[in-house]
Amino acid sequence: MKEILLELGICLAAAAFLMIYHECVRLFVYMFCQKSVKCFRTAPWKVWRYIDPVGLILSLTSMVPISKPYFFRVRDRRTNLCLGMAGIVSLVVVLAGSVAVLRLGYGGIDGLDHLVLPHWWNAIVPILVQYLALLSAGMLTANLFPISTFDMGMIVAGVSPAAYLGMIKADGTVKLIFVLVVLLDMIHYGASRLIVLFL
């Protein structure tokens, strides 16, 4: 029972970290693009706001954390493109780093499933790395869906406002497809198979 609770806690901590990290990277990029610290409408550094309760539940059930985004006031295409790209790159960095740690076998880690550790408390860091790999892969895949508040939505807005308008019109359909993909556990399955491929 203790081990199950520990693993649930680590999964939630990893998901919360990813949500905050993902949104904070985009905040810094937004501030840089606007060339001002006073570009935010409300206080952006209350980081607990980016932790979405539904995202935490999805992290436990489907390995797909979804954060609450800061609603940026973006007037130019370049900023939209930079925000979308920054979000994608930030998740790729976490995924690549955690996969590298898994591949090197640091701290008793051997792949995604097997831990060679004498005591449960020694498993905290290895389990955290495993969850960071799975959750970042899930979050990255989710953000590739063309939904307005996701990274891909911002990239589309930055590349072509006309395509963004078309994307907004199809928003309900895309969200329905996204929900079905999450419910069928396709993102988690695909992400875990991809990580295993790199190990």
N, C-alpha and C. Protein backbone atom coordinates (compact mmCIF):
# COMPACT_ATOMS: atom_id res chain seq x y z
N MET A 1 0.83 -1.21 0.00
CA MET A 1 0.00 0.00 0.00
C MET A 1 0.86 1.26 0.00
N LYS A 2 1.92 1.23 0.80
CA LYS A 2 2.83 2.37 0.90
C LYS A 2 3.47 2.67 -0.45
N GLU A 3 3.85 1.60 -1.17
CA GLU A 3 4.50 1.75 -2.47
C GLU A 3 3.54 2.34 -3.50
N ILE A 4 2.25 1.93 -3.45
CA ILE A 4 1.25 2.44 -4.38
C ILE A 4 1.02 3.93 -4.15
N LEU A 5 0.88 4.31 -2.87
CA LEU A 5 0.68 5.72 -2.53
C LEU A 5 1.89 6.56 -2.93
N LEU A 6 3.09 6.00 -2.73
CA LEU A 6 4.32 6.70 -3.12
C LEU A 6 4.32 6.94 -4.62
N GLU A 7 3.97 5.92 -5.39
CA GLU A 7 3.99 6.04 -6.85
C GLU A 7 2.93 7.04 -7.33
N LEU A 8 1.75 7.02 -6.72
CA LEU A 8 0.72 8.00 -7.07
C LEU A 8 1.19 9.42 -6.79
N GLY A 9 1.82 9.60 -5.63
CA GLY A 9 2.34 10.93 -5.25
C GLY A 9 3.42 11.40 -6.22
N ILE A 10 4.31 10.50 -6.60
CA ILE A 10 5.38 10.86 -7.54
C ILE A 10 4.80 11.22 -8.90
N CYS A 11 3.81 10.47 -9.35
CA CYS A 11 3.17 10.74 -10.63
C CYS A 11 2.53 12.13 -10.62
N LEU A 12 1.81 12.46 -9.55
CA LEU A 12 1.16 13.77 -9.43
C LEU A 12 2.19 14.90 -9.35
N ALA A 13 3.29 14.65 -8.62
CA ALA A 13 4.35 15.67 -8.51
C ALA A 13 5.01 15.92 -9.86
N ALA A 14 5.28 14.85 -10.61
CA ALA A 14 5.88 14.98 -11.94
C ALA A 14 4.94 15.73 -12.89
N ALA A 15 3.64 15.42 -12.82
CA ALA A 15 2.65 16.09 -13.67
C ALA A 15 2.56 17.57 -13.33
N ALA A 16 2.51 17.90 -12.02
CA ALA A 16 2.44 19.30 -11.60
C ALA A 16 3.69 20.07 -12.05
N PHE A 17 4.86 19.44 -11.91
CA PHE A 17 6.11 20.06 -12.35
C PHE A 17 6.05 20.37 -13.85
N LEU A 18 5.62 19.39 -14.65
CA LEU A 18 5.56 19.58 -16.10
C LEU A 18 4.59 20.70 -16.49
N MET A 19 3.44 20.77 -15.83
CA MET A 19 2.47 21.83 -16.12
C MET A 19 3.06 23.21 -15.85
N ILE A 20 3.68 23.36 -14.68
CA ILE A 20 4.26 24.65 -14.30
C ILE A 20 5.43 25.01 -15.22
N TYR A 21 6.31 24.05 -15.45
CA TYR A 21 7.48 24.26 -16.29
C TYR A 21 7.08 24.68 -17.71
N HIS A 22 6.12 23.96 -18.29
CA HIS A 22 5.67 24.23 -19.65
C HIS A 22 5.11 25.64 -19.78
N GLU A 23 4.28 26.05 -18.83
CA GLU A 23 3.68 27.38 -18.89
C GLU A 23 4.69 28.48 -18.58
N CYS A 24 5.63 28.22 -17.66
CA CYS A 24 6.63 29.24 -17.32
C CYS A 24 7.58 29.50 -18.49
N VAL A 25 7.94 28.47 -19.22
CA VAL A 25 8.78 28.65 -20.42
C VAL A 25 8.05 29.57 -21.39
N ARG A 26 6.77 29.34 -21.60
CA ARG A 26 6.00 30.18 -22.52
C ARG A 26 5.86 31.61 -22.00
N LEU A 27 5.77 31.77 -20.67
CA LEU A 27 5.71 33.12 -20.09
C LEU A 27 6.99 33.90 -20.38
N PHE A 28 8.14 33.26 -20.19
CA PHE A 28 9.42 33.93 -20.45
C PHE A 28 9.55 34.31 -21.93
N VAL A 29 9.11 33.41 -22.82
CA VAL A 29 9.18 33.69 -24.26
C VAL A 29 8.25 34.86 -24.60
N TYR A 30 7.07 34.87 -24.02
CA TYR A 30 6.13 35.97 -24.25
C TYR A 30 6.71 37.30 -23.80
N MET A 31 7.31 37.30 -22.61
CA MET A 31 7.93 38.51 -22.07
C MET A 31 9.06 38.99 -22.98
N PHE A 32 9.86 38.03 -23.49
CA PHE A 32 10.96 38.36 -24.38
C PHE A 32 10.44 38.93 -25.70
N CYS A 33 9.39 38.33 -26.26
CA CYS A 33 8.82 38.80 -27.53
C CYS A 33 8.19 40.18 -27.39
N GLN A 34 7.57 40.44 -26.24
CA GLN A 34 6.93 41.74 -26.02
C GLN A 34 7.91 42.80 -25.54
N LYS A 35 9.14 42.35 -25.18
CA LYS A 35 10.22 43.25 -24.72
C LYS A 35 9.80 44.11 -23.53
N SER A 36 9.02 43.49 -22.64
CA SER A 36 8.56 44.22 -21.46
C SER A 36 8.13 43.25 -20.37
N VAL A 37 8.40 43.65 -19.13
CA VAL A 37 7.95 42.85 -17.99
C VAL A 37 6.49 43.18 -17.69
N LYS A 38 6.02 44.34 -18.19
CA LYS A 38 4.66 44.81 -17.89
C LYS A 38 3.65 44.38 -18.95
N CYS A 39 3.97 43.32 -19.69
CA CYS A 39 3.10 42.90 -20.80
C CYS A 39 1.97 41.98 -20.34
N PHE A 40 1.95 41.59 -19.07
CA PHE A 40 0.93 40.65 -18.58
C PHE A 40 -0.26 41.40 -18.01
N ARG A 41 -1.46 40.88 -18.31
CA ARG A 41 -2.69 41.51 -17.80
C ARG A 41 -2.88 41.21 -16.32
N THR A 42 -2.58 39.97 -15.90
CA THR A 42 -2.69 39.58 -14.49
C THR A 42 -1.36 38.98 -14.05
N ALA A 43 -1.18 38.81 -12.75
CA ALA A 43 0.08 38.29 -12.22
C ALA A 43 0.35 36.88 -12.76
N PRO A 44 1.41 36.72 -13.57
CA PRO A 44 1.65 35.41 -14.18
C PRO A 44 2.44 34.45 -13.32
N TRP A 45 3.05 34.94 -12.24
CA TRP A 45 4.00 34.09 -11.50
C TRP A 45 3.35 33.31 -10.36
N LYS A 46 2.02 33.36 -10.26
CA LYS A 46 1.32 32.49 -9.31
C LYS A 46 1.19 31.12 -9.97
N VAL A 47 2.27 30.37 -9.91
CA VAL A 47 2.43 29.18 -10.75
C VAL A 47 1.44 28.06 -10.44
N TRP A 48 0.88 28.03 -9.24
CA TRP A 48 -0.08 26.97 -8.92
C TRP A 48 -1.33 27.07 -9.80
N ARG A 49 -1.57 28.22 -10.41
CA ARG A 49 -2.73 28.39 -11.30
C ARG A 49 -2.63 27.52 -12.55
N TYR A 50 -1.44 27.13 -12.91
CA TYR A 50 -1.25 26.35 -14.14
C TYR A 50 -1.49 24.85 -13.92
N ILE A 51 -1.68 24.46 -12.68
CA ILE A 51 -1.97 23.05 -12.38
C ILE A 51 -3.47 22.82 -12.54
N ASP A 52 -3.80 22.01 -13.52
CA ASP A 52 -5.20 21.72 -13.83
C ASP A 52 -5.63 20.42 -13.13
N PRO A 53 -6.68 20.46 -12.29
CA PRO A 53 -7.14 19.24 -11.62
C PRO A 53 -7.51 18.13 -12.60
N VAL A 54 -8.16 18.49 -13.72
CA VAL A 54 -8.50 17.49 -14.74
C VAL A 54 -7.22 16.92 -15.34
N GLY A 55 -6.22 17.78 -15.53
CA GLY A 55 -4.92 17.34 -16.04
C GLY A 55 -4.24 16.35 -15.10
N LEU A 56 -4.41 16.57 -13.79
CA LEU A 56 -3.83 15.64 -12.81
C LEU A 56 -4.52 14.28 -12.88
N ILE A 57 -5.85 14.30 -13.05
CA ILE A 57 -6.60 13.04 -13.18
C ILE A 57 -6.18 12.31 -14.45
N LEU A 58 -6.05 13.05 -15.55
CA LEU A 58 -5.60 12.45 -16.81
C LEU A 58 -4.18 11.90 -16.70
N SER A 59 -3.36 12.54 -15.86
CA SER A 59 -2.00 12.05 -15.65
C SER A 59 -2.01 10.66 -15.02
N LEU A 60 -2.91 10.47 -14.05
CA LEU A 60 -3.00 9.18 -13.37
C LEU A 60 -3.65 8.11 -14.24
N THR A 61 -4.62 8.50 -15.05
CA THR A 61 -5.38 7.51 -15.82
C THR A 61 -4.82 7.25 -17.21
N SER A 62 -4.29 8.32 -17.85
CA SER A 62 -3.88 8.19 -19.26
C SER A 62 -2.48 8.70 -19.56
N MET A 63 -1.76 9.18 -18.55
CA MET A 63 -0.41 9.73 -18.74
C MET A 63 -0.40 10.94 -19.68
N VAL A 64 -1.49 11.73 -19.64
CA VAL A 64 -1.58 12.92 -20.50
C VAL A 64 -1.90 14.14 -19.62
N PRO A 65 -0.88 14.80 -19.07
CA PRO A 65 -1.15 15.99 -18.26
C PRO A 65 -1.49 17.19 -19.15
N ILE A 66 -2.53 17.90 -18.81
CA ILE A 66 -2.93 19.11 -19.53
C ILE A 66 -2.89 20.26 -18.53
N SER A 67 -2.14 21.31 -18.86
CA SER A 67 -2.02 22.44 -17.94
C SER A 67 -3.06 23.51 -18.26
N LYS A 68 -3.31 24.39 -17.28
CA LYS A 68 -4.17 25.56 -17.51
C LYS A 68 -3.28 26.64 -18.10
N PRO A 69 -3.49 27.04 -19.34
CA PRO A 69 -2.60 28.04 -19.93
C PRO A 69 -2.89 29.45 -19.42
N TYR A 70 -1.86 30.28 -19.43
CA TYR A 70 -2.06 31.71 -19.21
C TYR A 70 -2.65 32.27 -20.50
N PHE A 71 -3.69 33.07 -20.39
CA PHE A 71 -4.32 33.60 -21.60
C PHE A 71 -3.59 34.85 -22.06
N PHE A 72 -2.73 34.64 -23.03
CA PHE A 72 -1.89 35.72 -23.55
C PHE A 72 -2.71 36.65 -24.45
N ARG A 73 -2.33 37.93 -24.45
CA ARG A 73 -2.90 38.89 -25.38
C ARG A 73 -1.90 39.03 -26.53
N VAL A 74 -2.09 38.25 -27.56
CA VAL A 74 -1.13 38.21 -28.66
C VAL A 74 -1.71 38.91 -29.88
N ARG A 75 -0.96 39.89 -30.39
CA ARG A 75 -1.43 40.65 -31.55
C ARG A 75 -0.64 40.34 -32.82
N ASP A 76 0.49 39.70 -32.69
CA ASP A 76 1.30 39.46 -33.89
C ASP A 76 1.57 37.97 -34.08
N ARG A 77 1.77 37.60 -35.32
CA ARG A 77 1.97 36.20 -35.69
C ARG A 77 3.27 35.66 -35.10
N ARG A 78 4.32 36.47 -35.09
CA ARG A 78 5.63 36.02 -34.63
C ARG A 78 5.57 35.53 -33.17
N THR A 79 4.87 36.28 -32.31
CA THR A 79 4.76 35.89 -30.90
C THR A 79 4.01 34.57 -30.76
N ASN A 80 2.92 34.42 -31.52
CA ASN A 80 2.17 33.15 -31.49
C ASN A 80 3.07 31.98 -31.87
N LEU A 81 3.82 32.17 -32.95
CA LEU A 81 4.71 31.11 -33.42
C LEU A 81 5.78 30.78 -32.38
N CYS A 82 6.37 31.82 -31.78
CA CYS A 82 7.40 31.61 -30.75
C CYS A 82 6.84 30.89 -29.53
N LEU A 83 5.61 31.26 -29.12
CA LEU A 83 4.99 30.61 -27.95
C LEU A 83 4.74 29.13 -28.21
N GLY A 84 4.19 28.83 -29.39
CA GLY A 84 3.93 27.43 -29.74
C GLY A 84 5.20 26.60 -29.83
N MET A 85 6.21 27.16 -30.49
CA MET A 85 7.48 26.44 -30.64
C MET A 85 8.17 26.25 -29.28
N ALA A 86 8.11 27.28 -28.43
CA ALA A 86 8.73 27.19 -27.10
C ALA A 86 8.09 26.09 -26.27
N GLY A 87 6.76 25.99 -26.34
CA GLY A 87 6.06 24.93 -25.60
C GLY A 87 6.47 23.55 -26.06
N ILE A 88 6.54 23.35 -27.38
CA ILE A 88 6.95 22.04 -27.93
C ILE A 88 8.38 21.71 -27.54
N VAL A 89 9.29 22.68 -27.74
CA VAL A 89 10.71 22.46 -27.45
C VAL A 89 10.93 22.16 -25.97
N SER A 90 10.20 22.86 -25.08
CA SER A 90 10.36 22.64 -23.64
C SER A 90 10.03 21.19 -23.27
N LEU A 91 9.00 20.63 -23.89
CA LEU A 91 8.60 19.24 -23.61
C LEU A 91 9.57 18.24 -24.23
N VAL A 92 10.09 18.57 -25.41
CA VAL A 92 11.08 17.71 -26.06
C VAL A 92 12.35 17.63 -25.19
N VAL A 93 12.74 18.75 -24.58
CA VAL A 93 13.93 18.77 -23.72
C VAL A 93 13.76 17.84 -22.52
N VAL A 94 12.59 17.91 -21.85
CA VAL A 94 12.34 17.03 -20.70
C VAL A 94 12.30 15.57 -21.14
N LEU A 95 11.63 15.29 -22.25
CA LEU A 95 11.54 13.92 -22.76
C LEU A 95 12.92 13.38 -23.10
N ALA A 96 13.72 14.16 -23.82
CA ALA A 96 15.06 13.71 -24.22
C ALA A 96 15.95 13.50 -23.00
N GLY A 97 15.87 14.40 -22.02
CA GLY A 97 16.68 14.27 -20.81
C GLY A 97 16.32 13.04 -19.99
N SER A 98 15.02 12.82 -19.81
CA SER A 98 14.60 11.66 -19.01
C SER A 98 14.88 10.35 -19.73
N VAL A 99 14.72 10.32 -21.06
CA VAL A 99 15.05 9.11 -21.83
C VAL A 99 16.55 8.83 -21.77
N ALA A 100 17.36 9.90 -21.80
CA ALA A 100 18.82 9.72 -21.69
C ALA A 100 19.20 9.11 -20.34
N VAL A 101 18.53 9.58 -19.27
CA VAL A 101 18.79 9.03 -17.93
C VAL A 101 18.37 7.56 -17.87
N LEU A 102 17.22 7.25 -18.45
CA LEU A 102 16.74 5.86 -18.49
C LEU A 102 17.70 4.97 -19.27
N ARG A 103 18.20 5.50 -20.37
CA ARG A 103 19.10 4.73 -21.23
C ARG A 103 20.44 4.45 -20.55
N LEU A 104 20.92 5.44 -19.78
CA LEU A 104 22.21 5.29 -19.10
C LEU A 104 22.10 4.42 -17.85
N GLY A 105 20.87 4.18 -17.39
CA GLY A 105 20.68 3.31 -16.22
C GLY A 105 21.08 3.95 -14.91
N TYR A 106 20.90 5.28 -14.80
CA TYR A 106 21.27 6.00 -13.57
C TYR A 106 20.41 5.58 -12.38
N GLY A 107 21.02 5.41 -11.25
CA GLY A 107 20.32 5.19 -9.98
C GLY A 107 19.49 3.94 -9.90
N GLY A 108 19.89 2.88 -10.61
CA GLY A 108 19.16 1.63 -10.52
C GLY A 108 18.05 1.49 -11.54
N ILE A 109 17.95 2.47 -12.46
CA ILE A 109 16.91 2.40 -13.49
C ILE A 109 17.37 1.49 -14.61
N ASP A 110 16.48 0.61 -15.02
CA ASP A 110 16.76 -0.23 -16.18
C ASP A 110 15.49 -0.25 -17.03
N GLY A 111 15.36 0.74 -17.92
CA GLY A 111 14.17 0.83 -18.77
C GLY A 111 12.99 1.45 -18.05
N LEU A 112 11.79 1.14 -18.52
CA LEU A 112 10.59 1.75 -17.96
C LEU A 112 9.98 0.96 -16.81
N ASP A 113 10.21 -0.32 -16.76
CA ASP A 113 9.50 -1.15 -15.79
C ASP A 113 10.36 -1.71 -14.66
N HIS A 114 11.63 -1.93 -14.92
CA HIS A 114 12.43 -2.69 -13.98
C HIS A 114 13.31 -1.79 -13.12
N LEU A 115 13.14 -1.88 -11.80
CA LEU A 115 13.98 -1.14 -10.86
C LEU A 115 14.81 -2.14 -10.05
N VAL A 116 16.12 -1.87 -9.97
CA VAL A 116 16.99 -2.75 -9.19
C VAL A 116 17.40 -1.98 -7.94
N LEU A 117 16.53 -1.98 -6.92
CA LEU A 117 16.75 -1.17 -5.72
C LEU A 117 16.42 -1.98 -4.47
N PRO A 118 17.25 -1.82 -3.39
CA PRO A 118 17.01 -2.61 -2.19
C PRO A 118 15.83 -2.13 -1.34
N HIS A 119 15.56 -0.80 -1.32
CA HIS A 119 14.49 -0.25 -0.47
C HIS A 119 13.60 0.68 -1.27
N TRP A 120 12.32 0.79 -0.87
CA TRP A 120 11.36 1.60 -1.62
C TRP A 120 11.74 3.06 -1.65
N TRP A 121 12.35 3.59 -0.57
CA TRP A 121 12.68 5.03 -0.56
C TRP A 121 13.78 5.38 -1.56
N ASN A 122 14.57 4.37 -1.94
CA ASN A 122 15.59 4.60 -2.97
C ASN A 122 14.98 4.70 -4.37
N ALA A 123 13.70 4.35 -4.47
CA ALA A 123 13.04 4.33 -5.79
C ALA A 123 12.42 5.67 -6.17
N ILE A 124 12.45 6.66 -5.27
CA ILE A 124 11.77 7.93 -5.53
C ILE A 124 12.29 8.61 -6.81
N VAL A 125 13.61 8.81 -6.90
CA VAL A 125 14.18 9.49 -8.07
C VAL A 125 14.01 8.65 -9.35
N PRO A 126 14.32 7.35 -9.32
CA PRO A 126 14.10 6.55 -10.53
C PRO A 126 12.66 6.55 -11.03
N ILE A 127 11.70 6.43 -10.11
CA ILE A 127 10.28 6.44 -10.52
C ILE A 127 9.90 7.82 -11.07
N LEU A 128 10.44 8.88 -10.46
CA LEU A 128 10.19 10.24 -10.94
C LEU A 128 10.68 10.41 -12.38
N VAL A 129 11.87 9.89 -12.67
CA VAL A 129 12.43 9.98 -14.03
C VAL A 129 11.54 9.21 -15.01
N GLN A 130 11.09 8.04 -14.61
CA GLN A 130 10.22 7.25 -15.48
C GLN A 130 8.91 7.99 -15.78
N TYR A 131 8.32 8.59 -14.74
CA TYR A 131 7.08 9.33 -14.95
C TYR A 131 7.31 10.59 -15.77
N LEU A 132 8.44 11.25 -15.58
CA LEU A 132 8.75 12.43 -16.40
C LEU A 132 8.83 12.05 -17.87
N ALA A 133 9.43 10.90 -18.15
CA ALA A 133 9.53 10.44 -19.54
C ALA A 133 8.14 10.17 -20.12
N LEU A 134 7.31 9.41 -19.40
CA LEU A 134 5.98 9.06 -19.90
C LEU A 134 5.05 10.27 -20.00
N LEU A 135 5.07 11.11 -18.95
CA LEU A 135 4.16 12.27 -18.93
C LEU A 135 4.56 13.33 -19.94
N SER A 136 5.88 13.56 -20.10
CA SER A 136 6.31 14.57 -21.08
C SER A 136 5.98 14.10 -22.50
N ALA A 137 6.11 12.79 -22.75
CA ALA A 137 5.74 12.24 -24.07
C ALA A 137 4.24 12.40 -24.30
N GLY A 138 3.44 12.15 -23.26
CA GLY A 138 1.99 12.32 -23.38
C GLY A 138 1.59 13.76 -23.58
N MET A 139 2.22 14.66 -22.83
CA MET A 139 1.90 16.09 -22.95
C MET A 139 2.34 16.64 -24.30
N LEU A 140 3.49 16.18 -24.78
CA LEU A 140 3.99 16.60 -26.09
C LEU A 140 3.01 16.15 -27.19
N THR A 141 2.58 14.90 -27.13
CA THR A 141 1.64 14.38 -28.13
C THR A 141 0.33 15.15 -28.09
N ALA A 142 -0.17 15.43 -26.88
CA ALA A 142 -1.42 16.18 -26.73
C ALA A 142 -1.29 17.57 -27.36
N ASN A 143 -0.14 18.21 -27.16
CA ASN A 143 0.05 19.57 -27.68
C ASN A 143 0.26 19.61 -29.18
N LEU A 144 0.37 18.45 -29.82
CA LEU A 144 0.46 18.41 -31.27
C LEU A 144 -0.92 18.42 -31.93
N PHE A 145 -1.98 18.30 -31.10
CA PHE A 145 -3.33 18.41 -31.63
C PHE A 145 -3.63 19.88 -31.94
N PRO A 146 -4.27 20.16 -33.09
CA PRO A 146 -4.55 21.57 -33.45
C PRO A 146 -5.75 22.14 -32.69
N ILE A 147 -5.54 22.37 -31.39
CA ILE A 147 -6.56 22.98 -30.53
C ILE A 147 -6.05 24.37 -30.17
N SER A 148 -6.91 25.36 -30.16
CA SER A 148 -6.51 26.77 -30.07
C SER A 148 -5.55 27.10 -28.93
N THR A 149 -5.78 26.54 -27.74
CA THR A 149 -4.92 26.87 -26.60
C THR A 149 -3.67 26.00 -26.50
N PHE A 150 -3.59 24.95 -27.31
CA PHE A 150 -2.42 24.07 -27.30
C PHE A 150 -1.31 24.67 -28.14
N ASP A 151 -0.12 24.12 -28.01
CA ASP A 151 1.04 24.66 -28.72
C ASP A 151 0.85 24.64 -30.23
N MET A 152 0.29 23.56 -30.77
CA MET A 152 0.08 23.48 -32.21
C MET A 152 -0.90 24.54 -32.69
N GLY A 153 -1.90 24.84 -31.87
CA GLY A 153 -2.84 25.91 -32.21
C GLY A 153 -2.14 27.25 -32.35
N MET A 154 -1.20 27.52 -31.44
CA MET A 154 -0.44 28.78 -31.51
C MET A 154 0.48 28.81 -32.72
N ILE A 155 1.05 27.66 -33.05
CA ILE A 155 1.92 27.59 -34.23
C ILE A 155 1.10 27.87 -35.50
N VAL A 156 -0.09 27.27 -35.58
CA VAL A 156 -0.97 27.51 -36.74
C VAL A 156 -1.34 28.99 -36.82
N ALA A 157 -1.66 29.61 -35.66
CA ALA A 157 -1.99 31.04 -35.62
C ALA A 157 -0.81 31.89 -36.09
N GLY A 158 0.41 31.44 -35.75
CA GLY A 158 1.60 32.18 -36.16
C GLY A 158 1.93 32.02 -37.63
N VAL A 159 1.61 30.87 -38.20
CA VAL A 159 1.92 30.60 -39.61
C VAL A 159 0.87 31.21 -40.53
N SER A 160 -0.42 30.99 -40.20
CA SER A 160 -1.49 31.45 -41.10
C SER A 160 -2.76 31.77 -40.31
N PRO A 161 -3.11 33.06 -40.18
CA PRO A 161 -4.35 33.43 -39.49
C PRO A 161 -5.59 32.82 -40.14
N ALA A 162 -5.57 32.66 -41.47
CA ALA A 162 -6.72 32.06 -42.17
C ALA A 162 -6.89 30.60 -41.76
N ALA A 163 -5.76 29.86 -41.67
CA ALA A 163 -5.82 28.45 -41.23
C ALA A 163 -6.27 28.37 -39.78
N TYR A 164 -5.87 29.35 -38.96
CA TYR A 164 -6.27 29.38 -37.55
C TYR A 164 -7.79 29.54 -37.44
N LEU A 165 -8.36 30.40 -38.31
CA LEU A 165 -9.81 30.59 -38.31
C LEU A 165 -10.53 29.29 -38.66
N GLY A 166 -9.99 28.56 -39.65
CA GLY A 166 -10.55 27.26 -40.02
C GLY A 166 -10.44 26.27 -38.88
N MET A 167 -9.31 26.34 -38.15
CA MET A 167 -9.09 25.46 -37.00
C MET A 167 -10.10 25.75 -35.89
N ILE A 168 -10.38 27.03 -35.66
CA ILE A 168 -11.37 27.42 -34.64
C ILE A 168 -12.76 26.86 -34.99
N LYS A 169 -13.09 26.89 -36.29
CA LYS A 169 -14.39 26.37 -36.73
C LYS A 169 -14.52 24.87 -36.48
N ALA A 170 -13.38 24.17 -36.62
CA ALA A 170 -13.39 22.71 -36.44
C ALA A 170 -13.00 22.31 -35.01
N ASP A 171 -12.96 23.30 -34.09
CA ASP A 171 -12.46 23.08 -32.72
C ASP A 171 -13.22 21.98 -31.99
N GLY A 172 -14.55 21.98 -32.12
CA GLY A 172 -15.37 20.98 -31.42
C GLY A 172 -15.06 19.56 -31.88
N THR A 173 -14.90 19.39 -33.19
CA THR A 173 -14.60 18.07 -33.75
C THR A 173 -13.23 17.59 -33.30
N VAL A 174 -12.25 18.50 -33.35
CA VAL A 174 -10.88 18.13 -32.95
C VAL A 174 -10.84 17.76 -31.47
N LYS A 175 -11.56 18.50 -30.65
CA LYS A 175 -11.60 18.19 -29.20
C LYS A 175 -12.25 16.84 -28.95
N LEU A 176 -13.29 16.53 -29.71
CA LEU A 176 -13.95 15.22 -29.58
C LEU A 176 -12.98 14.09 -29.95
N ILE A 177 -12.24 14.27 -31.04
CA ILE A 177 -11.24 13.27 -31.45
C ILE A 177 -10.18 13.13 -30.37
N PHE A 178 -9.75 14.27 -29.81
CA PHE A 178 -8.73 14.25 -28.75
C PHE A 178 -9.22 13.47 -27.54
N VAL A 179 -10.46 13.72 -27.12
CA VAL A 179 -11.03 13.02 -25.96
C VAL A 179 -11.10 11.52 -26.22
N LEU A 180 -11.52 11.13 -27.42
CA LEU A 180 -11.59 9.71 -27.77
C LEU A 180 -10.21 9.06 -27.76
N VAL A 181 -9.22 9.76 -28.30
CA VAL A 181 -7.84 9.24 -28.30
C VAL A 181 -7.33 9.03 -26.88
N VAL A 182 -7.64 9.99 -25.99
CA VAL A 182 -7.22 9.89 -24.58
C VAL A 182 -7.95 8.74 -23.90
N LEU A 183 -9.27 8.65 -24.11
CA LEU A 183 -10.07 7.59 -23.47
C LEU A 183 -9.65 6.20 -23.93
N LEU A 184 -9.25 6.07 -25.18
CA LEU A 184 -8.81 4.78 -25.70
C LEU A 184 -7.35 4.47 -25.34
N ASP A 185 -6.72 5.39 -24.60
CA ASP A 185 -5.35 5.21 -24.09
C ASP A 185 -4.31 5.10 -25.23
N MET A 186 -4.62 5.69 -26.37
CA MET A 186 -3.73 5.58 -27.52
C MET A 186 -2.45 6.40 -27.33
N ILE A 187 -2.56 7.57 -26.68
CA ILE A 187 -1.38 8.41 -26.47
C ILE A 187 -0.39 7.71 -25.55
N HIS A 188 -0.91 7.17 -24.43
CA HIS A 188 -0.03 6.49 -23.48
C HIS A 188 0.63 5.27 -24.12
N TYR A 189 -0.14 4.50 -24.84
CA TYR A 189 0.40 3.30 -25.49
C TYR A 189 1.48 3.68 -26.50
N GLY A 190 1.18 4.64 -27.36
CA GLY A 190 2.14 5.06 -28.38
C GLY A 190 3.40 5.66 -27.78
N ALA A 191 3.22 6.51 -26.74
CA ALA A 191 4.38 7.16 -26.10
C ALA A 191 5.29 6.13 -25.42
N SER A 192 4.69 5.17 -24.71
CA SER A 192 5.50 4.17 -24.02
C SER A 192 6.25 3.27 -25.01
N ARG A 193 5.59 2.94 -26.14
CA ARG A 193 6.27 2.12 -27.17
C ARG A 193 7.43 2.90 -27.78
N LEU A 194 7.23 4.21 -27.99
CA LEU A 194 8.28 5.05 -28.57
C LEU A 194 9.48 5.17 -27.63
N ILE A 195 9.20 5.34 -26.33
CA ILE A 195 10.29 5.45 -25.35
C ILE A 195 11.08 4.15 -25.29
N VAL A 196 10.37 3.02 -25.27
CA VAL A 196 11.03 1.72 -25.24
C VAL A 196 11.91 1.53 -26.47
N LEU A 197 11.47 2.06 -27.59
CA LEU A 197 12.24 1.98 -28.84
C LEU A 197 13.59 2.68 -28.71
N PHE A 198 13.62 3.81 -27.96
CA PHE A 198 14.85 4.57 -27.78
C PHE A 198 15.78 3.99 -26.72
N LEU A 199 15.26 3.08 -25.89
CA LEU A 199 16.08 2.53 -24.80
C LEU A 199 16.91 1.34 -25.26
